[in-house]
Amino acid sequence: MLRRRARALSAILVVSVAAVGLPRSAFADGPPGDAQSAAGFAEALFDGALRLMQEGKFAEACPKLAESHRLDPASGTVYNLAICLEKEGKVASAIIAFEESSARSAKDGNKEREALAVAALARLRPLVAKVVVRVGPKVAGLEGVDVRFDGASVRKQAWGIEVPMDPGAHVLTVSAPGKRELRQDVTVTEPGKVVAVEVSSLEDAPVAPRLAVSPTPEAPTDGTRKGIGMVLVGVGGVLLVGGGVSGILAVDRHAESDRLCGDPPRCTGEGADAEKAANAFAWGANLGLGLGVVAAAVGTYLWVTAKTPPRTALSAHGLRVTF
C-alpha cells in the first residue's frame, strides 16, 4: 500500500504552506474523531485522486490528496500530492510536499521514496520563484502591525525571508491601528526569480470629523416668567382701558342716533352715521375688554407663580445665609 504513516513536517514548513496557497489542512498532525472512519475516507479519497491523475485531471486530484493526507497522514499520500502539485504547475507547493515526503520516508525507513523525493527537490528548487517581504523600521515599530500575504499572516520572524511562491497573482496587505491599510498586488511569473516587496511606511488614517452638538435650549427661568407676566398685565390693562373708552363712545353715539332719528325712527344722514359709529365702537369695546381680560389673567398667573430666587448673604462669621 502506498500510504505509510510518518511524522508531520516542522512548523516553519507549515507556515510556508499557508504562504504559497496550499491548504493548511494538507499537513495536519492527524484526523479528529474516529481514526478508523477517517482512515476509510482517506483511502477512498486517495484512490479517487489516483484515477483523476491518470486522466490528467490534476486540478481535481490535488485537493483530494490533500484532504486524504489531512485525515490520515502518510508518506505515500504526500509524495503523490507533491507529484500532482508539480504537474499542476504549483512548484512551490510541490517542493513543500516533497520535503515532507522525504522526512516521512526517512522516518518510515523507505529509502527508495526518500531518494525520489530528494531528487525531485534538487530538480525543482532552482526553478521555484520566491517572494521576500521587507518591512521598514517605521512600519515594524508600529503597535499592532499586521502583515498578510494572500490572507495568511506573515509574522515578524518571516519578514525578510525568501519564501517559495507559486506563479500567479498574489496580494500583500499591511495594516495597523490609526493607519490606512496598504494593499499591493504581487505577480510571480519567472521561475527562479526573487520578487522583493518593500513596505517602508503607512499613511495615517483620516480622522473622523467631530459632530457639533447643539446646546439644549434653556427653559424659561423664573425671572423670565415674571417679566412676561408683568408685560401681559400691562398690555391687558391698556386693552381694558381702550375697551372701556370704546364702550362709552358707543353709548354716546347710540344716544345721538336715537335723538336724530326720533320715534318711530326716521333717520337723517347724520343719525345713520351716528348709528354706524356706535356699532363700530361697540365692537371695539367688546374686543378690547375680552382680550384685556385674557392678557391680564395670563400675566397675573405667570407673575404670581414665578418663584423668587433665594438671596444669599454673608454673616459676620463668614457663613452663607440663604433666605
C-alpha atoms as a PDB file:
ATOM      1  CA  MET A   1       0.000   0.000   0.000  1.00  0.00           C
ATOM      2  CA  LEU A   2       1.337   3.444  -0.951  1.00  0.00           C
ATOM      3  CA  ARG A   3       0.177   5.231   2.193  1.00  0.00           C
ATOM      4  CA  ARG A   4       2.674   4.956   5.074  1.00  0.00           C
ATOM      5  CA  ARG A   5       2.317   6.881   8.369  1.00  0.00           C
ATOM      6  CA  ALA A   6       5.032   9.336   9.469  1.00  0.00           C
ATOM      7  CA  ARG A   7       5.598  12.469  11.484  1.00  0.00           C
ATOM      8  CA  ALA A   8       4.296  15.891  10.446  1.00  0.00           C
ATOM      9  CA  LEU A   9       6.616  18.475   8.947  1.00  0.00           C
ATOM     10  CA  SER A  10       8.080  21.232  11.115  1.00  0.00           C
ATOM     11  CA  ALA A  11       6.186  24.433  11.976  1.00  0.00           C
ATOM     12  CA  ILE A  12       8.255  26.511   9.549  1.00  0.00           C
ATOM     13  CA  LEU A  13       7.150  24.372   6.632  1.00  0.00           C
ATOM     14  CA  VAL A  14       3.527  24.646   7.739  1.00  0.00           C
ATOM     15  CA  VAL A  15       3.830  28.444   7.678  1.00  0.00           C
ATOM     16  CA  SER A  16       5.314  28.203   4.186  1.00  0.00           C
ATOM     17  CA  VAL A  17       2.342  26.138   3.084  1.00  0.00           C
ATOM     18  CA  ALA A  18      -0.016  28.959   4.029  1.00  0.00           C
ATOM     19  CA  ALA A  19       2.156  31.441   2.149  1.00  0.00           C
ATOM     20  CA  VAL A  20       2.188  29.525  -1.148  1.00  0.00           C
ATOM     21  CA  GLY A  21      -1.510  28.785  -1.059  1.00  0.00           C
ATOM     22  CA  LEU A  22      -1.583  25.070  -0.233  1.00  0.00           C
ATOM     23  CA  PRO A  23      -4.332  24.328   2.315  1.00  0.00           C
ATOM     24  CA  ARG A  24      -3.030  24.161   5.887  1.00  0.00           C
ATOM     25  CA  SER A  25      -5.108  21.031   6.376  1.00  0.00           C
ATOM     26  CA  ALA A  26      -2.830  19.136   3.987  1.00  0.00           C
ATOM     27  CA  PHE A  27      -0.139  18.838   6.643  1.00  0.00           C
ATOM     28  CA  ALA A  28      -2.183  18.381   9.828  1.00  0.00           C
ATOM     29  CA  ASP A  29      -0.905  16.055  12.526  1.00  0.00           C
ATOM     30  CA  GLY A  30      -3.830  13.682  12.281  1.00  0.00           C
ATOM     31  CA  PRO A  31      -7.568  13.234  11.902  1.00  0.00           C
ATOM     32  CA  PRO A  32     -10.053  14.281  14.555  1.00  0.00           C
ATOM     33  CA  GLY A  33     -12.763  11.934  15.722  1.00  0.00           C
ATOM     34  CA  ASP A  34     -12.843   8.224  14.986  1.00  0.00           C
ATOM     35  CA  ALA A  35      -9.472   7.190  13.487  1.00  0.00           C
ATOM     36  CA  GLN A  36     -10.804   4.100  11.715  1.00  0.00           C
ATOM     37  CA  SER A  37     -13.574   6.039   9.986  1.00  0.00           C
ATOM     38  CA  ALA A  38     -11.131   8.799   8.993  1.00  0.00           C
ATOM     39  CA  ALA A  39      -8.723   6.238   7.557  1.00  0.00           C
ATOM     40  CA  GLY A  40     -11.521   4.776   5.434  1.00  0.00           C
ATOM     41  CA  PHE A  41     -12.413   8.166   3.978  1.00  0.00           C
ATOM     42  CA  ALA A  42      -8.722   8.905   3.410  1.00  0.00           C
ATOM     43  CA  GLU A  43      -8.246   5.658   1.470  1.00  0.00           C
ATOM     44  CA  ALA A  44     -11.275   6.382  -0.734  1.00  0.00           C
ATOM     45  CA  LEU A  45     -10.054   9.908  -1.467  1.00  0.00           C
ATOM     46  CA  PHE A  46      -6.574   8.609  -2.270  1.00  0.00           C
ATOM     47  CA  ASP A  47      -7.877   6.009  -4.741  1.00  0.00           C
ATOM     48  CA  GLY A  48     -10.142   8.557  -6.418  1.00  0.00           C
ATOM     49  CA  ALA A  49      -7.279  11.038  -6.724  1.00  0.00           C
ATOM     50  CA  LEU A  50      -5.019   8.471  -8.405  1.00  0.00           C
ATOM     51  CA  ARG A  51      -7.702   7.790 -11.030  1.00  0.00           C
ATOM     52  CA  LEU A  52      -8.022  11.507 -11.717  1.00  0.00           C
ATOM     53  CA  MET A  53      -4.250  11.855 -12.063  1.00  0.00           C
ATOM     54  CA  GLN A  54      -4.211   9.034 -14.603  1.00  0.00           C
ATOM     55  CA  GLU A  55      -6.807  11.012 -16.578  1.00  0.00           C
ATOM     56  CA  GLY A  56      -4.676  14.155 -16.368  1.00  0.00           C
ATOM     57  CA  LYS A  57      -7.175  15.960 -14.099  1.00  0.00           C
ATOM     58  CA  PHE A  58      -4.601  17.287 -11.653  1.00  0.00           C
ATOM     59  CA  ALA A  59      -6.635  20.312 -10.525  1.00  0.00           C
ATOM     60  CA  GLU A  60      -9.322  17.907  -9.251  1.00  0.00           C
ATOM     61  CA  ALA A  61      -6.921  15.298  -7.906  1.00  0.00           C
ATOM     62  CA  CYS A  62      -4.689  17.531  -5.762  1.00  0.00           C
ATOM     63  CA  PRO A  63      -7.396  18.705  -3.308  1.00  0.00           C
ATOM     64  CA  LYS A  64      -8.491  15.086  -2.781  1.00  0.00           C
ATOM     65  CA  LEU A  65      -4.934  14.035  -1.977  1.00  0.00           C
ATOM     66  CA  ALA A  66      -4.536  16.965   0.403  1.00  0.00           C
ATOM     67  CA  GLU A  67      -7.729  16.011   2.244  1.00  0.00           C
ATOM     68  CA  SER A  68      -6.716  12.345   2.334  1.00  0.00           C
ATOM     69  CA  HIS A  69      -3.408  13.319   3.901  1.00  0.00           C
ATOM     70  CA  ARG A  70      -5.174  15.527   6.439  1.00  0.00           C
ATOM     71  CA  LEU A  71      -7.433  12.681   7.540  1.00  0.00           C
ATOM     72  CA  ASP A  72      -4.674  10.047   7.657  1.00  0.00           C
ATOM     73  CA  PRO A  73      -1.140  11.447   7.194  1.00  0.00           C
ATOM     74  CA  ALA A  74       1.106   9.106   5.202  1.00  0.00           C
ATOM     75  CA  SER A  75       4.380   9.415   3.299  1.00  0.00           C
ATOM     76  CA  GLY A  76       2.902   7.816   0.170  1.00  0.00           C
ATOM     77  CA  THR A  77      -0.019  10.236   0.102  1.00  0.00           C
ATOM     78  CA  VAL A  78       2.101  13.354   0.467  1.00  0.00           C
ATOM     79  CA  TYR A  79       4.548  12.059  -2.167  1.00  0.00           C
ATOM     80  CA  ASN A  80       1.728  11.663  -4.686  1.00  0.00           C
ATOM     81  CA  LEU A  81       0.405  15.076  -3.641  1.00  0.00           C
ATOM     82  CA  ALA A  82       3.820  16.561  -4.466  1.00  0.00           C
ATOM     83  CA  ILE A  83       3.772  14.958  -7.923  1.00  0.00           C
ATOM     84  CA  CYS A  84       0.226  16.225  -8.506  1.00  0.00           C
ATOM     85  CA  LEU A  85       1.133  19.789  -7.487  1.00  0.00           C
ATOM     86  CA  GLU A  86       4.169  19.774  -9.769  1.00  0.00           C
ATOM     87  CA  LYS A  87       2.001  18.642 -12.694  1.00  0.00           C
ATOM     88  CA  GLU A  88      -0.443  21.438 -11.875  1.00  0.00           C
ATOM     89  CA  GLY A  89       2.386  23.978 -12.119  1.00  0.00           C
ATOM     90  CA  LYS A  90       2.499  24.811  -8.408  1.00  0.00           C
ATOM     91  CA  VAL A  91       6.230  24.317  -7.965  1.00  0.00           C
ATOM     92  CA  ALA A  92       6.495  25.980  -4.552  1.00  0.00           C
ATOM     93  CA  SER A  93       3.709  23.855  -3.096  1.00  0.00           C
ATOM     94  CA  ALA A  94       5.247  20.758  -4.674  1.00  0.00           C
ATOM     95  CA  ILE A  95       8.597  21.485  -3.009  1.00  0.00           C
ATOM     96  CA  ILE A  96       6.953  21.692   0.412  1.00  0.00           C
ATOM     97  CA  ALA A  97       5.157  18.409  -0.181  1.00  0.00           C
ATOM     98  CA  PHE A  98       8.368  16.701  -1.395  1.00  0.00           C
ATOM     99  CA  GLU A  99      10.170  17.958   1.721  1.00  0.00           C
ATOM    100  CA  GLU A 100       7.552  16.379   3.942  1.00  0.00           C
ATOM    101  CA  SER A 101       7.605  13.197   1.890  1.00  0.00           C
ATOM    102  CA  SER A 102      11.377  12.986   2.317  1.00  0.00           C
ATOM    103  CA  ALA A 103      11.106  13.434   6.089  1.00  0.00           C
ATOM    104  CA  ARG A 104       8.286  10.920   6.459  1.00  0.00           C
ATOM    105  CA  SER A 105      10.007   8.361   4.210  1.00  0.00           C
ATOM    106  CA  ALA A 106      13.195   8.619   6.268  1.00  0.00           C
ATOM    107  CA  LYS A 107      11.151   8.055   9.416  1.00  0.00           C
ATOM    108  CA  ASP A 108       9.435   5.046   7.826  1.00  0.00           C
ATOM    109  CA  GLY A 109      12.739   3.637   6.572  1.00  0.00           C
ATOM    110  CA  ASN A 110      11.578   3.854   2.945  1.00  0.00           C
ATOM    111  CA  LYS A 111      14.935   4.699   1.355  1.00  0.00           C
ATOM    112  CA  GLU A 112      13.648   4.432  -2.215  1.00  0.00           C
ATOM    113  CA  ARG A 113      10.870   7.002  -1.758  1.00  0.00           C
ATOM    114  CA  GLU A 114      13.190   9.256   0.245  1.00  0.00           C
ATOM    115  CA  ALA A 115      15.694   9.219  -2.622  1.00  0.00           C
ATOM    116  CA  LEU A 116      12.963  10.044  -5.143  1.00  0.00           C
ATOM    117  CA  ALA A 117      11.799  12.994  -3.037  1.00  0.00           C
ATOM    118  CA  VAL A 118      15.350  14.303  -2.595  1.00  0.00           C
ATOM    119  CA  ALA A 119      15.965  14.052  -6.343  1.00  0.00           C
ATOM    120  CA  ALA A 120      12.751  15.938  -7.064  1.00  0.00           C
ATOM    121  CA  LEU A 121      13.782  18.678  -4.644  1.00  0.00           C
ATOM    122  CA  ALA A 122      17.160  19.070  -6.325  1.00  0.00           C
ATOM    123  CA  ARG A 123      15.412  19.408  -9.683  1.00  0.00           C
ATOM    124  CA  LEU A 124      12.684  21.835  -8.578  1.00  0.00           C
ATOM    125  CA  ARG A 125      14.433  24.204  -6.174  1.00  0.00           C
ATOM    126  CA  PRO A 126      16.307  26.136  -8.892  1.00  0.00           C
ATOM    127  CA  LEU A 127      13.018  26.598 -10.743  1.00  0.00           C
ATOM    128  CA  VAL A 128      10.850  27.949  -7.959  1.00  0.00           C
ATOM    129  CA  ALA A 129      10.115  31.660  -7.710  1.00  0.00           C
ATOM    130  CA  LYS A 130      10.358  33.311  -4.309  1.00  0.00           C
ATOM    131  CA  VAL A 131       8.865  36.320  -2.583  1.00  0.00           C
ATOM    132  CA  VAL A 132      10.534  38.276   0.216  1.00  0.00           C
ATOM    133  CA  VAL A 133       8.610  40.846   2.261  1.00  0.00           C
ATOM    134  CA  ARG A 134      10.830  43.560   3.728  1.00  0.00           C
ATOM    135  CA  VAL A 135       9.184  45.708   6.392  1.00  0.00           C
ATOM    136  CA  GLY A 136      10.901  49.031   7.116  1.00  0.00           C
ATOM    137  CA  PRO A 137      11.618  50.251  10.668  1.00  0.00           C
ATOM    138  CA  LYS A 138       8.826  52.854  10.592  1.00  0.00           C
ATOM    139  CA  VAL A 139       6.239  50.143   9.987  1.00  0.00           C
ATOM    140  CA  ALA A 140       7.917  47.464  12.093  1.00  0.00           C
ATOM    141  CA  GLY A 141       7.808  49.783  15.107  1.00  0.00           C
ATOM    142  CA  LEU A 142       4.051  50.341  14.881  1.00  0.00           C
ATOM    143  CA  GLU A 143       1.977  48.703  17.584  1.00  0.00           C
ATOM    144  CA  GLY A 144      -0.426  46.072  16.282  1.00  0.00           C
ATOM    145  CA  VAL A 145       1.002  45.953  12.748  1.00  0.00           C
ATOM    146  CA  ASP A 146      -0.473  43.063  10.753  1.00  0.00           C
ATOM    147  CA  VAL A 147       1.206  41.764   7.575  1.00  0.00           C
ATOM    148  CA  ARG A 148      -0.684  39.256   5.436  1.00  0.00           C
ATOM    149  CA  PHE A 149       0.127  37.534   2.153  1.00  0.00           C
ATOM    150  CA  ASP A 150      -2.875  36.052   0.355  1.00  0.00           C
ATOM    151  CA  GLY A 151      -4.736  36.283   3.668  1.00  0.00           C
ATOM    152  CA  ALA A 152      -2.140  34.261   5.616  1.00  0.00           C
ATOM    153  CA  SER A 153      -0.430  36.059   8.492  1.00  0.00           C
ATOM    154  CA  VAL A 154       3.282  36.775   7.973  1.00  0.00           C
ATOM    155  CA  ARG A 155       4.863  37.064  11.425  1.00  0.00           C
ATOM    156  CA  LYS A 156       7.937  39.172  12.183  1.00  0.00           C
ATOM    157  CA  GLN A 157      10.133  36.078  12.172  1.00  0.00           C
ATOM    158  CA  ALA A 158       9.314  35.602   8.463  1.00  0.00           C
ATOM    159  CA  TRP A 159       9.987  39.205   7.404  1.00  0.00           C
ATOM    160  CA  GLY A 160      12.995  39.350   5.103  1.00  0.00           C
ATOM    161  CA  ILE A 161      12.944  35.601   4.400  1.00  0.00           C
ATOM    162  CA  GLU A 162      12.653  34.335   0.827  1.00  0.00           C
ATOM    163  CA  VAL A 163       9.534  32.174   0.661  1.00  0.00           C
ATOM    164  CA  PRO A 164       8.829  29.826  -2.284  1.00  0.00           C
ATOM    165  CA  MET A 165       5.802  31.028  -4.171  1.00  0.00           C
ATOM    166  CA  ASP A 166       3.598  29.503  -6.848  1.00  0.00           C
ATOM    167  CA  PRO A 167       3.252  31.527 -10.061  1.00  0.00           C
ATOM    168  CA  GLY A 168       0.288  33.824 -10.452  1.00  0.00           C
ATOM    169  CA  ALA A 169      -1.272  36.874  -8.807  1.00  0.00           C
ATOM    170  CA  HIS A 170      -0.920  37.386  -5.067  1.00  0.00           C
ATOM    171  CA  VAL A 171      -1.965  40.125  -2.641  1.00  0.00           C
ATOM    172  CA  LEU A 172       0.005  41.681   0.224  1.00  0.00           C
ATOM    173  CA  THR A 173      -1.880  43.674   2.877  1.00  0.00           C
ATOM    174  CA  VAL A 174      -0.370  45.632   5.768  1.00  0.00           C
ATOM    175  CA  SER A 175      -2.483  47.304   8.441  1.00  0.00           C
ATOM    176  CA  ALA A 176      -2.028  48.965  11.827  1.00  0.00           C
ATOM    177  CA  PRO A 177      -4.278  50.927  14.207  1.00  0.00           C
ATOM    178  CA  GLY A 178      -4.659  54.535  13.061  1.00  0.00           C
ATOM    179  CA  LYS A 179      -3.200  53.805   9.607  1.00  0.00           C
ATOM    180  CA  ARG A 180      -4.632  53.260   6.140  1.00  0.00           C
ATOM    181  CA  GLU A 181      -4.434  49.640   5.027  1.00  0.00           C
ATOM    182  CA  LEU A 182      -1.763  49.092   2.398  1.00  0.00           C
ATOM    183  CA  ARG A 183      -2.835  46.699  -0.355  1.00  0.00           C
ATOM    184  CA  GLN A 184      -0.305  45.707  -3.012  1.00  0.00           C
ATOM    185  CA  ASP A 185      -0.666  43.257  -5.884  1.00  0.00           C
ATOM    186  CA  VAL A 186       2.295  40.928  -6.379  1.00  0.00           C
ATOM    187  CA  THR A 187       2.672  38.957  -9.610  1.00  0.00           C
ATOM    188  CA  VAL A 188       5.001  35.959  -9.752  1.00  0.00           C
ATOM    189  CA  THR A 189       5.851  34.820 -13.276  1.00  0.00           C
ATOM    190  CA  GLU A 190       9.507  33.948 -13.882  1.00  0.00           C
ATOM    191  CA  PRO A 191      10.872  30.671 -12.455  1.00  0.00           C
ATOM    192  CA  GLY A 192      13.813  31.108 -10.107  1.00  0.00           C
ATOM    193  CA  LYS A 193      13.249  34.844  -9.696  1.00  0.00           C
ATOM    194  CA  VAL A 194      13.049  36.523  -6.279  1.00  0.00           C
ATOM    195  CA  VAL A 195      10.301  39.160  -6.039  1.00  0.00           C
ATOM    196  CA  ALA A 196      11.000  41.688  -3.279  1.00  0.00           C
ATOM    197  CA  VAL A 197       8.140  43.657  -1.728  1.00  0.00           C
ATOM    198  CA  GLU A 198       9.172  46.745   0.259  1.00  0.00           C
ATOM    199  CA  VAL A 199       6.902  48.184   2.960  1.00  0.00           C
ATOM    200  CA  SER A 200       8.518  51.445   4.082  1.00  0.00           C
ATOM    201  CA  SER A 201       5.600  53.436   5.503  1.00  0.00           C
ATOM    202  CA  LEU A 202       1.847  53.551   6.065  1.00  0.00           C
ATOM    203  CA  GLU A 203      -0.357  56.592   5.586  1.00  0.00           C
ATOM    204  CA  ASP A 204      -2.306  57.963   8.521  1.00  0.00           C
ATOM    205  CA  ALA A 205      -5.994  57.104   8.531  1.00  0.00           C
ATOM    206  CA  PRO A 206      -8.342  60.099   8.121  1.00  0.00           C
ATOM    207  CA  VAL A 207      -9.715  61.462  11.366  1.00  0.00           C
ATOM    208  CA  ALA A 208     -13.496  61.359  11.535  1.00  0.00           C
ATOM    209  CA  PRO A 209     -14.952  64.885  11.897  1.00  0.00           C
ATOM    210  CA  ARG A 210     -16.447  65.654  15.251  1.00  0.00           C
ATOM    211  CA  LEU A 211     -20.175  66.227  15.207  1.00  0.00           C
ATOM    212  CA  ALA A 212     -21.232  69.609  16.543  1.00  0.00           C
ATOM    213  CA  VAL A 213     -23.704  69.184  19.370  1.00  0.00           C
ATOM    214  CA  SER A 214     -26.314  71.915  19.523  1.00  0.00           C
ATOM    215  CA  PRO A 215     -26.875  73.136  23.069  1.00  0.00           C
ATOM    216  CA  THR A 216     -30.235  72.295  24.548  1.00  0.00           C
ATOM    217  CA  PRO A 217     -32.341  75.441  24.724  1.00  0.00           C
ATOM    218  CA  GLU A 218     -32.754  76.528  28.294  1.00  0.00           C
ATOM    219  CA  ALA A 219     -36.214  76.554  29.786  1.00  0.00           C
ATOM    220  CA  PRO A 220     -37.536  79.986  30.751  1.00  0.00           C
ATOM    221  CA  THR A 221     -36.250  80.994  34.171  1.00  0.00           C
ATOM    222  CA  ASP A 222     -38.488  82.272  36.946  1.00  0.00           C
ATOM    223  CA  GLY A 223     -37.227  85.777  36.254  1.00  0.00           C
ATOM    224  CA  THR A 224     -38.283  85.468  32.626  1.00  0.00           C
ATOM    225  CA  ARG A 225     -41.738  84.190  33.617  1.00  0.00           C
ATOM    226  CA  LYS A 226     -42.211  87.093  35.968  1.00  0.00           C
ATOM    227  CA  GLY A 227     -41.142  89.619  33.321  1.00  0.00           C
ATOM    228  CA  ILE A 228     -43.509  88.141  30.725  1.00  0.00           C
ATOM    229  CA  GLY A 229     -46.322  88.203  33.282  1.00  0.00           C
ATOM    230  CA  MET A 230     -45.744  91.872  34.043  1.00  0.00           C
ATOM    231  CA  VAL A 231     -45.800  92.750  30.341  1.00  0.00           C
ATOM    232  CA  LEU A 232     -49.053  90.833  29.786  1.00  0.00           C
ATOM    233  CA  VAL A 233     -50.682  92.520  32.775  1.00  0.00           C
ATOM    234  CA  GLY A 234     -49.693  95.901  31.342  1.00  0.00           C
ATOM    235  CA  VAL A 235     -50.991  95.020  27.881  1.00  0.00           C
ATOM    236  CA  GLY A 236     -54.208  93.700  29.409  1.00  0.00           C
ATOM    237  CA  GLY A 237     -54.668  96.956  31.312  1.00  0.00           C
ATOM    238  CA  VAL A 238     -54.242  99.009  28.147  1.00  0.00           C
ATOM    239  CA  LEU A 239     -56.775  96.831  26.305  1.00  0.00           C
ATOM    240  CA  LEU A 240     -59.279  97.134  29.161  1.00  0.00           C
ATOM    241  CA  VAL A 241     -58.966 100.913  29.212  1.00  0.00           C
ATOM    242  CA  GLY A 242     -59.324 101.049  25.438  1.00  0.00           C
ATOM    243  CA  GLY A 243     -62.339  98.752  25.559  1.00  0.00           C
ATOM    244  CA  GLY A 244     -63.943 100.897  28.269  1.00  0.00           C
ATOM    245  CA  VAL A 245     -63.433 104.100  26.289  1.00  0.00           C
ATOM    246  CA  SER A 246     -64.850 102.421  23.170  1.00  0.00           C
ATOM    247  CA  GLY A 247     -67.889 101.340  25.197  1.00  0.00           C
ATOM    248  CA  ILE A 248     -68.522 104.882  26.439  1.00  0.00           C
ATOM    249  CA  LEU A 249     -68.231 106.242  22.912  1.00  0.00           C
ATOM    250  CA  ALA A 250     -70.607 103.538  21.634  1.00  0.00           C
ATOM    251  CA  VAL A 251     -73.255 104.546  24.201  1.00  0.00           C
ATOM    252  CA  ASP A 252     -72.808 108.216  23.350  1.00  0.00           C
ATOM    253  CA  ARG A 253     -73.143 107.654  19.591  1.00  0.00           C
ATOM    254  CA  HIS A 254     -76.145 105.408  20.098  1.00  0.00           C
ATOM    255  CA  ALA A 255     -77.888 108.135  22.151  1.00  0.00           C
ATOM    256  CA  GLU A 256     -77.134 110.683  19.443  1.00  0.00           C
ATOM    257  CA  SER A 257     -78.564 108.344  16.806  1.00  0.00           C
ATOM    258  CA  ASP A 258     -81.778 107.984  18.828  1.00  0.00           C
ATOM    259  CA  ARG A 259     -82.072 111.766  19.144  1.00  0.00           C
ATOM    260  CA  LEU A 260     -81.596 112.394  15.445  1.00  0.00           C
ATOM    261  CA  CYS A 261     -83.763 109.563  14.212  1.00  0.00           C
ATOM    262  CA  GLY A 262     -86.690 110.113  16.620  1.00  0.00           C
ATOM    263  CA  ASP A 263     -89.508 107.621  17.379  1.00  0.00           C
ATOM    264  CA  PRO A 264     -90.604 105.965  15.112  1.00  0.00           C
ATOM    265  CA  PRO A 265     -87.123 106.056  13.649  1.00  0.00           C
ATOM    266  CA  ARG A 266     -86.793 108.230  10.670  1.00  0.00           C
ATOM    267  CA  CYS A 267     -83.038 108.646  10.446  1.00  0.00           C
ATOM    268  CA  THR A 268     -81.360 111.516   8.773  1.00  0.00           C
ATOM    269  CA  GLY A 269     -77.915 111.107   7.264  1.00  0.00           C
ATOM    270  CA  GLU A 270     -76.292 112.284  10.496  1.00  0.00           C
ATOM    271  CA  GLY A 271     -78.396 109.844  12.515  1.00  0.00           C
ATOM    272  CA  ALA A 272     -77.361 106.935  10.287  1.00  0.00           C
ATOM    273  CA  ASP A 273     -73.688 107.885  10.622  1.00  0.00           C
ATOM    274  CA  ALA A 274     -74.034 108.075  14.392  1.00  0.00           C
ATOM    275  CA  GLU A 275     -75.578 104.575  14.462  1.00  0.00           C
ATOM    276  CA  LYS A 276     -72.728 103.137  12.382  1.00  0.00           C
ATOM    277  CA  ALA A 277     -70.166 104.758  14.661  1.00  0.00           C
ATOM    278  CA  ALA A 278     -71.989 103.387  17.702  1.00  0.00           C
ATOM    279  CA  ASN A 279     -71.807  99.841  16.301  1.00  0.00           C
ATOM    280  CA  ALA A 280     -68.102 100.200  15.473  1.00  0.00           C
ATOM    281  CA  PHE A 281     -67.264 101.454  18.959  1.00  0.00           C
ATOM    282  CA  ALA A 282     -69.340  98.630  20.440  1.00  0.00           C
ATOM    283  CA  TRP A 283     -67.287  96.020  18.528  1.00  0.00           C
ATOM    284  CA  GLY A 284     -64.067  97.698  19.641  1.00  0.00           C
ATOM    285  CA  ALA A 285     -65.235  97.717  23.235  1.00  0.00           C
ATOM    286  CA  ASN A 286     -66.127  94.021  23.189  1.00  0.00           C
ATOM    287  CA  LEU A 287     -62.806  93.047  21.577  1.00  0.00           C
ATOM    288  CA  GLY A 288     -60.689  95.249  23.812  1.00  0.00           C
ATOM    289  CA  LEU A 289     -62.398  94.150  27.014  1.00  0.00           C
ATOM    290  CA  GLY A 290     -62.207  90.444  26.038  1.00  0.00           C
ATOM    291  CA  LEU A 291     -58.518  90.477  25.074  1.00  0.00           C
ATOM    292  CA  GLY A 292     -57.679  92.678  28.027  1.00  0.00           C
ATOM    293  CA  VAL A 293     -59.233  90.229  30.484  1.00  0.00           C
ATOM    294  CA  VAL A 294     -57.329  87.260  28.916  1.00  0.00           C
ATOM    295  CA  ALA A 295     -53.969  89.084  28.828  1.00  0.00           C
ATOM    296  CA  ALA A 296     -54.351  90.328  32.373  1.00  0.00           C
ATOM    297  CA  ALA A 297     -55.330  86.861  33.639  1.00  0.00           C
ATOM    298  CA  VAL A 298     -52.380  85.085  31.943  1.00  0.00           C
ATOM    299  CA  GLY A 299     -49.958  87.777  33.043  1.00  0.00           C
ATOM    300  CA  THR A 300     -51.178  87.614  36.615  1.00  0.00           C
ATOM    301  CA  TYR A 301     -50.755  83.793  36.623  1.00  0.00           C
ATOM    302  CA  LEU A 302     -47.180  83.968  35.333  1.00  0.00           C
ATOM    303  CA  TRP A 303     -46.308  86.736  37.763  1.00  0.00           C
ATOM    304  CA  VAL A 304     -47.768  85.009  40.783  1.00  0.00           C
ATOM    305  CA  THR A 305     -46.395  81.510  40.026  1.00  0.00           C
ATOM    306  CA  ALA A 306     -42.830  82.709  39.299  1.00  0.00           C
ATOM    307  CA  LYS A 307     -40.514  81.737  42.163  1.00  0.00           C
ATOM    308  CA  THR A 308     -38.417  84.414  43.735  1.00  0.00           C
ATOM    309  CA  PRO A 309     -34.737  83.322  43.732  1.00  0.00           C
ATOM    310  CA  PRO A 310     -33.285  82.968  47.208  1.00  0.00           C
ATOM    311  CA  ARG A 311     -30.960  85.702  48.346  1.00  0.00           C
ATOM    312  CA  THR A 312     -27.669  84.786  49.907  1.00  0.00           C
ATOM    313  CA  ALA A 313     -25.756  86.955  52.338  1.00  0.00           C
ATOM    314  CA  LEU A 314     -22.585  86.542  54.351  1.00  0.00           C
ATOM    315  CA  SER A 315     -22.768  86.806  58.105  1.00  0.00           C
ATOM    316  CA  ALA A 316     -20.096  88.415  60.221  1.00  0.00           C
ATOM    317  CA  HIS A 317     -18.510  84.971  60.737  1.00  0.00           C
ATOM    318  CA  GLY A 318     -18.269  84.202  57.008  1.00  0.00           C
ATOM    319  CA  LEU A 319     -21.275  81.839  56.959  1.00  0.00           C
ATOM    320  CA  ARG A 320     -23.604  81.902  53.959  1.00  0.00           C
ATOM    321  CA  VAL A 321     -27.207  82.571  54.886  1.00  0.00           C
ATOM    322  CA  THR A 322     -29.884  81.805  52.292  1.00  0.00           C
ATOM    323  CA  PHE A 323     -33.379  83.203  52.666  1.00  0.00           C
END
